[in-house]
């Protein structure tokens, strides 16, 4: 999802190693970071300091950049004068650089550290052409956050399949409560619904092929996704005037009990009121023949293909992949470690997310991380239009298909 735009990128180079008498003999490892917000900065600074303690002969230069500006300047570095390690994202954003031979193959790190098993839930997100191109550092779950007081009052249980979801929704509507809140003024919220319906109906391979432009948007599988979505819209399951609200402005409906559920990422949890009992459940199954795949946006570490110090860069990626480093990093971030043996913070939503993602059959990144910008910008506009005017489905699918044909020609 797209974070709020900030001003231009500002780089702050910070050497975190002490000046030592032998520093002239030390190798230098340059890391470029997009972790400019307070919690990520604190967490990654601690990781680097721990790495320095274990490898005192490596001088680390930690360059910090504004989060949004980083997305622009990283392309210049990778081509001209790359650092040794970069922070980035899985999905199409990683694939963009892999296809241009700008990221190093790090399959050896996965092989030598048993990461194929210990990071199995993120392996697919890091794999292209049966090779791994980075290390997943942190991720978080998406799913249904719900007002447990509303459920308890109406005697409702967490739905596990589509039929149960419809029954719960109908009961809520009968009692004057919108089943789902959503704010679609920021278009990315609609993409969560498209992703989950597509993953539950058609599966991860189909979803990835669609994101890569290999399947037309007029395909029957895509139409089936929209028909399931239309069933929810037609039953009045979403709050009214959702296009007027941001994702934050849609939250009070949930806390007041005017709506019961919100399909959103775990970043919503810090705003939960103390006087409302909130719960979480996995997006229900739709097609029993399809695995349970999840959206889990993943932040990653990579070695540029033209890096000068790949040897020490590999040491850093191996270090950051260890469960103890993952545990500390993600406790600070209030997110989930990608290593199955890393301790998860004592938070009920993180614990539920870790259990769900560890048992998942695979993960996607999110619509605007899994496909190219020209496609996702048109796609998310179309999703919002569909939620407001579902009868325009044919025209919407045709427009999406024209965009796909142009973008992926």
Protein backbone atom coordinates (compact mmCIF):
# COMPACT_ATOMS: atom_id res chain seq x y z
CA UNK A 1 0.00 0.00 0.00
CA UNK A 2 1.16 3.54 -0.59
CA UNK A 3 2.28 5.52 2.44
CA UNK A 4 1.60 9.22 2.82
CA UNK A 5 3.91 11.26 0.64
CA UNK A 6 6.64 13.16 2.40
CA UNK A 7 8.96 15.88 1.22
CA UNK A 8 12.07 15.12 -0.82
CA UNK A 9 14.55 12.41 0.12
CA UNK A 10 17.18 13.40 2.63
CA UNK A 11 20.11 11.05 3.17
CA UNK A 12 21.93 10.91 6.46
CA UNK A 13 25.10 8.85 6.40
CA UNK A 14 25.97 7.50 9.82
CA UNK A 15 29.00 5.37 10.55
CA UNK A 16 27.90 3.19 13.44
CA UNK A 17 31.31 1.66 14.08
CA UNK A 18 33.69 3.26 16.54
CA UNK A 19 36.83 4.83 15.18
CA UNK A 20 39.52 2.28 15.93
CA UNK A 21 43.28 2.31 15.49
CA UNK A 22 42.92 -0.54 13.02
CA UNK A 23 40.05 1.04 11.10
CA UNK A 24 42.24 1.65 8.11
CA UNK A 25 42.51 -2.12 7.71
CA UNK A 26 38.79 -2.77 8.17
CA UNK A 27 36.48 -3.48 5.27
CA UNK A 28 33.53 -1.17 4.78
CA UNK A 29 29.92 -2.29 4.39
CA UNK A 30 27.51 0.32 3.04
CA UNK A 31 23.79 -0.15 3.84
CA UNK A 32 21.09 2.11 2.41
CA UNK A 33 17.94 2.25 4.52
CA UNK A 34 14.38 3.48 3.99
CA UNK A 35 13.65 3.05 7.73
CA UNK A 36 13.30 6.75 8.47
CA UNK A 37 10.35 6.55 10.86
CA UNK A 38 11.23 6.38 14.58
CA UNK A 39 10.43 2.72 15.30
CA UNK A 40 12.12 1.27 12.17
CA UNK A 41 15.12 3.55 12.67
CA UNK A 42 15.50 2.36 16.26
CA UNK A 43 15.17 -1.29 15.29
CA UNK A 44 17.62 -1.25 12.39
CA UNK A 45 20.15 0.81 14.32
CA UNK A 46 20.11 -1.90 16.98
CA UNK A 47 20.59 -4.63 14.33
CA UNK A 48 23.59 -2.81 12.88
CA UNK A 49 25.13 -2.25 16.32
CA UNK A 50 24.74 -5.95 17.14
CA UNK A 51 26.34 -6.85 13.81
CA UNK A 52 29.28 -4.54 14.58
CA UNK A 53 29.81 -6.26 17.92
CA UNK A 54 30.07 -9.64 16.20
CA UNK A 55 32.15 -8.35 13.28
CA UNK A 56 34.36 -5.56 14.70
CA UNK A 57 36.63 -5.69 11.65
CA UNK A 58 33.77 -4.52 9.41
CA UNK A 59 33.06 -0.79 9.36
CA UNK A 60 29.36 -0.21 8.69
CA UNK A 61 28.11 2.95 7.01
CA UNK A 62 24.34 3.20 7.50
CA UNK A 63 22.70 5.67 5.12
CA UNK A 64 19.18 6.68 6.06
CA UNK A 65 16.74 8.06 3.49
CA UNK A 66 13.22 9.45 3.53
CA UNK A 67 10.81 6.56 2.92
CA UNK A 68 9.05 7.92 -0.17
CA UNK A 69 12.08 9.54 -1.77
CA UNK A 70 13.97 6.25 -1.41
CA UNK A 71 11.63 4.63 -3.92
CA UNK A 72 12.87 7.03 -6.58
CA UNK A 73 16.59 7.19 -5.88
CA UNK A 74 17.15 3.44 -5.44
CA UNK A 75 16.95 3.01 -9.22
CA UNK A 76 19.82 5.43 -9.70
CA UNK A 77 22.04 3.74 -7.09
CA UNK A 78 21.56 0.25 -8.46
CA UNK A 79 22.65 1.32 -11.92
CA UNK A 80 25.42 3.81 -11.09
CA UNK A 81 27.03 3.50 -7.64
CA UNK A 82 25.20 0.91 -5.52
CA UNK A 83 25.69 0.32 -1.81
CA UNK A 84 26.33 -3.21 -0.55
CA UNK A 85 22.88 -3.79 1.00
CA UNK A 86 19.54 -2.15 0.25
CA UNK A 87 16.19 -2.35 2.00
CA UNK A 88 13.27 -2.95 -0.32
CA UNK A 89 10.02 -4.92 -0.81
CA UNK A 90 9.01 -8.34 -2.11
CA UNK A 91 6.66 -8.97 -5.03
CA UNK A 92 6.74 -7.03 -8.29
CA UNK A 93 8.91 -4.35 -6.68
CA UNK A 94 11.65 -6.94 -6.21
CA UNK A 95 10.97 -8.57 -9.56
CA UNK A 96 11.43 -5.23 -11.35
CA UNK A 97 15.09 -5.14 -10.32
CA UNK A 98 15.68 -8.89 -10.68
CA UNK A 99 14.56 -8.81 -14.31
CA UNK A 100 17.03 -5.98 -14.96
CA UNK A 101 19.90 -7.93 -13.36
CA UNK A 102 20.27 -5.39 -10.56
CA UNK A 103 19.83 -7.74 -7.57
CA UNK A 104 22.23 -10.51 -6.55
CA UNK A 105 21.11 -14.14 -6.39
CA UNK A 106 21.35 -15.11 -2.70
CA UNK A 107 20.09 -18.68 -2.97
CA UNK A 108 23.32 -19.78 -1.29
CA UNK A 109 22.30 -17.96 1.89
CA UNK A 110 18.97 -19.77 1.87
CA UNK A 111 20.65 -23.13 1.25
CA UNK A 112 23.38 -22.76 3.88
CA UNK A 113 21.08 -21.45 6.63
CA UNK A 114 18.10 -23.78 6.12
CA UNK A 115 15.88 -20.81 5.30
CA UNK A 116 13.80 -22.80 2.82
CA UNK A 117 12.16 -24.42 5.85
CA UNK A 118 12.54 -21.77 8.54
CA UNK A 119 11.21 -19.01 6.23
CA UNK A 120 8.85 -21.22 4.24
CA UNK A 121 5.90 -18.82 4.49
CA UNK A 122 7.91 -16.09 2.72
CA UNK A 123 9.90 -18.28 0.34
CA UNK A 124 7.55 -17.89 -2.63
CA UNK A 125 7.61 -14.11 -2.24
CA UNK A 126 11.41 -14.12 -2.51
CA UNK A 127 11.69 -16.65 -5.36
CA UNK A 128 11.96 -15.99 -9.09
CA UNK A 129 13.02 -18.73 -11.52
CA UNK A 130 13.59 -21.10 -8.58
CA UNK A 131 16.19 -18.78 -7.06
CA UNK A 132 16.03 -16.46 -4.06
CA UNK A 133 16.90 -12.80 -4.46
CA UNK A 134 16.81 -11.41 -0.94
CA UNK A 135 16.00 -12.01 2.71
CA UNK A 136 12.55 -11.23 4.16
CA UNK A 137 13.01 -9.12 7.27
CA UNK A 138 9.49 -8.43 8.48
CA UNK A 139 5.88 -8.82 7.41
CA UNK A 140 2.37 -8.43 8.76
CA UNK A 141 -0.96 -10.09 8.27
CA UNK A 142 -4.18 -8.96 6.67
CA UNK A 143 -7.49 -10.35 7.80
CA UNK A 144 -10.84 -9.61 9.40
CA UNK A 145 -10.76 -7.44 12.51
CA UNK A 146 -14.13 -7.41 14.19
CA UNK A 147 -16.08 -5.93 17.07
CA UNK A 148 -16.41 -8.88 19.42
CA UNK A 149 -19.04 -7.12 21.53
CA UNK A 150 -21.34 -6.92 18.48
CA UNK A 151 -20.76 -10.58 17.66
CA UNK A 152 -21.43 -11.63 21.25
CA UNK A 153 -24.59 -9.55 21.50
CA UNK A 154 -26.04 -11.22 18.40
CA UNK A 155 -24.68 -14.68 19.18
CA UNK A 156 -22.46 -14.73 16.08
CA UNK A 157 -19.41 -16.92 15.54
CA UNK A 158 -16.37 -16.24 13.38
CA UNK A 159 -17.27 -17.46 9.86
CA UNK A 160 -14.93 -20.01 8.31
CA UNK A 161 -16.44 -20.27 4.81
CA UNK A 162 -18.39 -18.16 2.33
CA UNK A 163 -21.81 -19.45 3.32
CA UNK A 164 -21.18 -18.69 6.98
CA UNK A 165 -19.91 -15.22 6.06
CA UNK A 166 -23.12 -14.49 4.18
CA UNK A 167 -25.21 -15.75 7.10
CA UNK A 168 -23.33 -13.55 9.56
CA UNK A 169 -23.67 -10.58 7.20
CA UNK A 170 -27.41 -11.09 6.74
CA UNK A 171 -27.94 -11.25 10.51
CA UNK A 172 -26.03 -8.02 10.97
CA UNK A 173 -28.01 -6.23 8.25
CA UNK A 174 -31.29 -7.42 9.83
CA UNK A 175 -30.14 -5.75 13.06
CA UNK A 176 -29.25 -2.47 11.41
CA UNK A 177 -25.49 -3.03 11.43
CA UNK A 178 -23.26 -2.86 8.36
CA UNK A 179 -21.22 -6.07 8.16
CA UNK A 180 -18.14 -4.28 6.79
CA UNK A 181 -16.64 -0.87 7.20
CA UNK A 182 -14.18 0.41 4.60
CA UNK A 183 -12.85 3.77 3.50
CA UNK A 184 -12.21 3.79 -0.23
CA UNK A 185 -11.16 7.39 -0.61
CA UNK A 186 -7.67 5.92 -0.41
CA UNK A 187 -8.09 3.40 -3.21
CA UNK A 188 -5.73 0.74 -1.88
CA UNK A 189 -8.30 -0.47 0.65
CA UNK A 190 -10.38 -1.90 -2.21
CA UNK A 191 -7.41 -3.95 -3.36
CA UNK A 192 -7.52 -5.98 -0.16
CA UNK A 193 -10.95 -7.26 -1.14
CA UNK A 194 -9.87 -8.04 -4.69
CA UNK A 195 -6.76 -9.87 -3.49
CA UNK A 196 -8.55 -12.05 -0.97
CA UNK A 197 -11.45 -12.97 -3.21
CA UNK A 198 -9.04 -13.87 -6.00
CA UNK A 199 -6.75 -15.86 -3.70
CA UNK A 200 -9.67 -17.77 -2.18
CA UNK A 201 -11.42 -18.47 -5.50
CA UNK A 202 -8.54 -18.96 -7.95
CA UNK A 203 -5.42 -19.51 -5.84
CA UNK A 204 -1.95 -18.02 -5.64
CA UNK A 205 -0.57 -19.23 -8.98
CA UNK A 206 -3.53 -17.72 -10.81
CA UNK A 207 -3.22 -14.51 -8.79
CA UNK A 208 0.48 -14.18 -9.56
CA UNK A 209 -0.11 -14.85 -13.25
CA UNK A 210 -2.80 -12.17 -13.33
CA UNK A 211 -0.50 -9.72 -11.56
CA UNK A 212 2.20 -10.48 -14.15
CA UNK A 213 -0.18 -9.70 -17.01
CA UNK A 214 -0.41 -13.31 -18.19
CA UNK A 215 -4.19 -13.66 -17.69
CA UNK A 216 -6.77 -11.27 -19.18
CA UNK A 217 -9.05 -9.39 -16.82
CA UNK A 218 -11.95 -10.63 -18.93
CA UNK A 219 -11.13 -14.21 -17.93
CA UNK A 220 -13.94 -16.19 -16.28
CA UNK A 221 -11.86 -16.52 -13.11
CA UNK A 222 -11.67 -12.74 -12.70
CA UNK A 223 -15.36 -12.35 -13.44
CA UNK A 224 -16.09 -14.93 -10.73
CA UNK A 225 -14.16 -12.77 -8.26
CA UNK A 226 -16.28 -9.75 -9.09
CA UNK A 227 -19.52 -11.74 -8.94
CA UNK A 228 -18.73 -12.84 -5.38
CA UNK A 229 -17.87 -9.23 -4.54
CA UNK A 230 -21.12 -8.07 -6.14
CA UNK A 231 -23.05 -10.43 -3.90
CA UNK A 232 -21.70 -8.58 -0.88
CA UNK A 233 -22.45 -5.18 -2.38
CA UNK A 234 -25.96 -6.17 -3.44
CA UNK A 235 -26.76 -7.43 0.06
CA UNK A 236 -25.79 -4.06 1.52
CA UNK A 237 -22.81 -5.40 3.43
CA UNK A 238 -20.61 -2.28 3.18
CA UNK A 239 -21.10 1.05 4.93
CA UNK A 240 -22.76 3.76 2.89
CA UNK A 241 -20.71 6.53 1.25
CA UNK A 242 -17.46 4.64 1.80
CA UNK A 243 -15.80 6.61 -1.01
CA UNK A 244 -16.01 9.68 1.24
CA UNK A 245 -13.86 8.15 3.98
CA UNK A 246 -10.18 7.45 4.38
CA UNK A 247 -9.21 4.13 5.93
CA UNK A 248 -8.76 5.90 9.28
CA UNK A 249 -12.13 7.69 9.07
CA UNK A 250 -13.85 4.34 8.49
CA UNK A 251 -12.61 2.95 11.81
CA UNK A 252 -15.14 4.64 14.18
CA UNK A 253 -17.98 2.73 12.49
CA UNK A 254 -16.32 -0.44 13.76
CA UNK A 255 -15.70 0.80 17.29
CA UNK A 256 -19.22 2.29 17.72
CA UNK A 257 -20.84 -0.92 16.55
CA UNK A 258 -22.32 0.66 13.43
CA UNK A 259 -20.26 -1.86 11.47
CA UNK A 260 -18.93 -5.21 12.62
CA UNK A 261 -15.86 -6.12 10.54
CA UNK A 262 -12.94 -4.51 8.71
CA UNK A 263 -10.71 -6.27 6.18
CA UNK A 264 -7.41 -4.50 6.83
CA UNK A 265 -3.78 -4.99 7.84
CA UNK A 266 -2.43 -5.36 11.35
CA UNK A 267 -1.31 -1.73 11.35
CA UNK A 268 -4.85 -0.90 12.50
CA UNK A 269 -4.39 -2.45 15.95
CA UNK A 270 -2.54 0.39 17.76
CA UNK A 271 -5.68 2.52 17.33
CA UNK A 272 -8.07 0.08 18.99
CA UNK A 273 -9.98 1.76 21.87
CA UNK A 274 -9.47 0.24 25.31
CA UNK A 275 -13.21 0.00 25.92
CA UNK A 276 -14.00 -2.10 22.81
CA UNK A 277 -13.32 -5.84 22.60
CA UNK A 278 -11.74 -6.54 19.22
CA UNK A 279 -11.13 -9.90 17.60
CA UNK A 280 -9.44 -11.26 14.50
CA UNK A 281 -10.15 -14.10 12.09
CA UNK A 282 -8.80 -15.38 8.81
CA UNK A 283 -10.59 -14.44 5.60
CA UNK A 284 -13.02 -17.35 5.13
CA UNK A 285 -12.54 -20.16 2.65
CA UNK A 286 -14.49 -19.94 -0.60
CA UNK A 287 -13.24 -22.76 -2.83
CA UNK A 288 -12.32 -25.88 -0.78
CA UNK A 289 -10.08 -27.02 -3.65
CA UNK A 290 -7.90 -23.92 -3.28
CA UNK A 291 -5.26 -23.46 -0.57
CA UNK A 292 -5.47 -20.80 2.12
CA UNK A 293 -3.22 -18.05 0.82
CA UNK A 294 -2.72 -14.73 2.58
CA UNK A 295 -1.71 -11.17 1.85
CA UNK A 296 1.44 -10.50 3.87
CA UNK A 297 3.33 -7.40 2.67
CA UNK A 298 7.01 -8.12 3.24
CA UNK A 299 9.97 -5.77 3.73
CA UNK A 300 13.23 -7.20 2.48
CA UNK A 301 17.03 -6.96 2.30
CA UNK A 302 18.95 -7.30 -0.96
CA UNK A 303 22.49 -7.20 -2.30
CA UNK A 304 22.84 -5.09 -5.44
CA UNK A 305 24.36 -7.03 -8.33
CA UNK A 306 27.07 -4.37 -8.70
CA UNK A 307 27.89 -4.05 -5.00
CA UNK A 308 31.57 -3.75 -4.06
CA UNK A 309 31.50 -5.77 -0.84
CA UNK A 310 29.28 -8.78 -1.46
CA UNK A 311 31.17 -10.96 1.02
CA UNK A 312 30.30 -8.79 4.02
CA UNK A 313 26.85 -8.08 2.59
CA UNK A 314 26.14 -11.81 2.73
CA UNK A 315 27.27 -11.87 6.35
CA UNK A 316 24.83 -9.07 7.15
CA UNK A 317 21.89 -10.79 5.43
CA UNK A 318 22.67 -14.03 7.26
CA UNK A 319 22.89 -12.13 10.54
CA UNK A 320 19.59 -10.31 9.99
CA UNK A 321 17.87 -13.60 9.16
CA UNK A 322 18.67 -15.17 12.54
CA UNK A 323 15.65 -15.71 14.79
CA UNK A 324 17.01 -13.61 17.66
CA UNK A 325 17.55 -10.62 15.37
CA UNK A 326 14.15 -11.10 13.77
CA UNK A 327 12.51 -11.25 17.19
CA UNK A 328 14.05 -7.95 18.35
CA UNK A 329 13.40 -6.17 15.05
CA UNK A 330 9.74 -7.10 14.87
CA UNK A 331 9.00 -6.54 18.55
CA UNK A 332 10.11 -2.95 18.00
CA UNK A 333 8.10 -2.64 14.77
CA UNK A 334 4.98 -4.37 16.17
CA UNK A 335 5.14 -6.69 13.16
CA UNK A 336 5.88 -10.34 12.53
CA UNK A 337 9.22 -12.10 12.10
CA UNK A 338 9.52 -14.18 8.93
CA UNK A 339 11.65 -16.83 10.67
CA UNK A 340 9.45 -19.52 12.20
CA UNK A 341 11.73 -19.90 15.26
CA UNK A 342 11.75 -16.20 16.14
CA UNK A 343 9.83 -15.22 19.25
CA UNK A 344 6.71 -13.19 18.56
CA UNK A 345 5.83 -10.23 20.75
CA UNK A 346 3.21 -10.85 23.44
CA UNK A 347 0.34 -9.32 21.49
CA UNK A 348 -2.83 -11.31 20.71
CA UNK A 349 -3.13 -9.99 17.15
CA UNK A 350 0.51 -10.65 16.34
CA UNK A 351 0.22 -14.12 17.84
CA UNK A 352 -2.88 -14.83 15.74
CA UNK A 353 -1.18 -13.47 12.65
CA UNK A 354 1.95 -15.55 13.16
CA UNK A 355 -0.10 -18.70 13.59
CA UNK A 356 -2.11 -17.96 10.47
CA UNK A 357 0.83 -17.04 8.25
CA UNK A 358 2.99 -19.92 9.44
CA UNK A 359 0.22 -22.32 8.44
CA UNK A 360 -0.59 -20.59 5.15
CA UNK A 361 -0.09 -22.28 1.80
CA UNK A 362 1.72 -19.20 0.50
CA UNK A 363 1.61 -15.43 0.57
CA UNK A 364 0.98 -12.57 -1.83
CA UNK A 365 2.29 -9.07 -1.23
CA UNK A 366 -0.67 -6.80 -1.98
CA UNK A 367 -2.09 -5.59 -5.27
CA UNK A 368 0.07 -2.46 -5.51
CA UNK A 369 3.21 -4.44 -4.68
CA UNK A 370 2.45 -7.43 -6.91
CA UNK A 371 1.75 -5.70 -10.21
CA UNK A 372 3.24 -2.76 -12.10
CA UNK A 373 2.26 0.87 -11.35
CA UNK A 374 0.39 1.52 -14.62
CA UNK A 375 -1.79 -1.52 -13.90
CA UNK A 376 -2.46 -1.04 -10.21
CA UNK A 377 -3.36 2.64 -10.54
CA UNK A 378 -6.09 1.82 -13.06
CA UNK A 379 -7.03 -1.35 -11.21
CA UNK A 380 -7.68 0.29 -7.85
CA UNK A 381 -9.73 3.05 -9.45
CA UNK A 382 -11.80 0.32 -11.11
CA UNK A 383 -12.29 -1.52 -7.81
CA UNK A 384 -13.68 1.57 -6.14
CA UNK A 385 -15.95 2.29 -9.12
CA UNK A 386 -17.24 -1.28 -8.97
CA UNK A 387 -18.11 -1.01 -5.29
CA UNK A 388 -20.14 2.13 -6.02
CA UNK A 389 -21.62 0.95 -9.36
CA UNK A 390 -21.45 -2.86 -9.57
CA UNK A 391 -23.75 -2.86 -12.60
CA UNK A 392 -20.86 -1.40 -14.62
CA UNK A 393 -18.93 -4.66 -14.30
CA UNK A 394 -18.67 -5.36 -18.05
CA UNK A 395 -17.30 -1.91 -18.82
CA UNK A 396 -14.91 -2.12 -15.88
CA UNK A 397 -13.52 -5.48 -16.95
CA UNK A 398 -13.08 -4.25 -20.51
CA UNK A 399 -11.18 -1.19 -19.28
CA UNK A 400 -8.96 -3.32 -17.07
CA UNK A 401 -8.23 -5.62 -19.97
CA UNK A 402 -7.33 -2.75 -22.28
CA UNK A 403 -4.92 -1.51 -19.63
CA UNK A 404 -3.38 -4.97 -19.18
CA UNK A 405 -2.92 -5.38 -22.94
CA UNK A 406 -1.21 -2.00 -23.17
CA UNK A 407 0.97 -2.29 -20.08
CA UNK A 408 2.19 -5.85 -20.65
CA UNK A 409 2.51 -5.83 -24.44
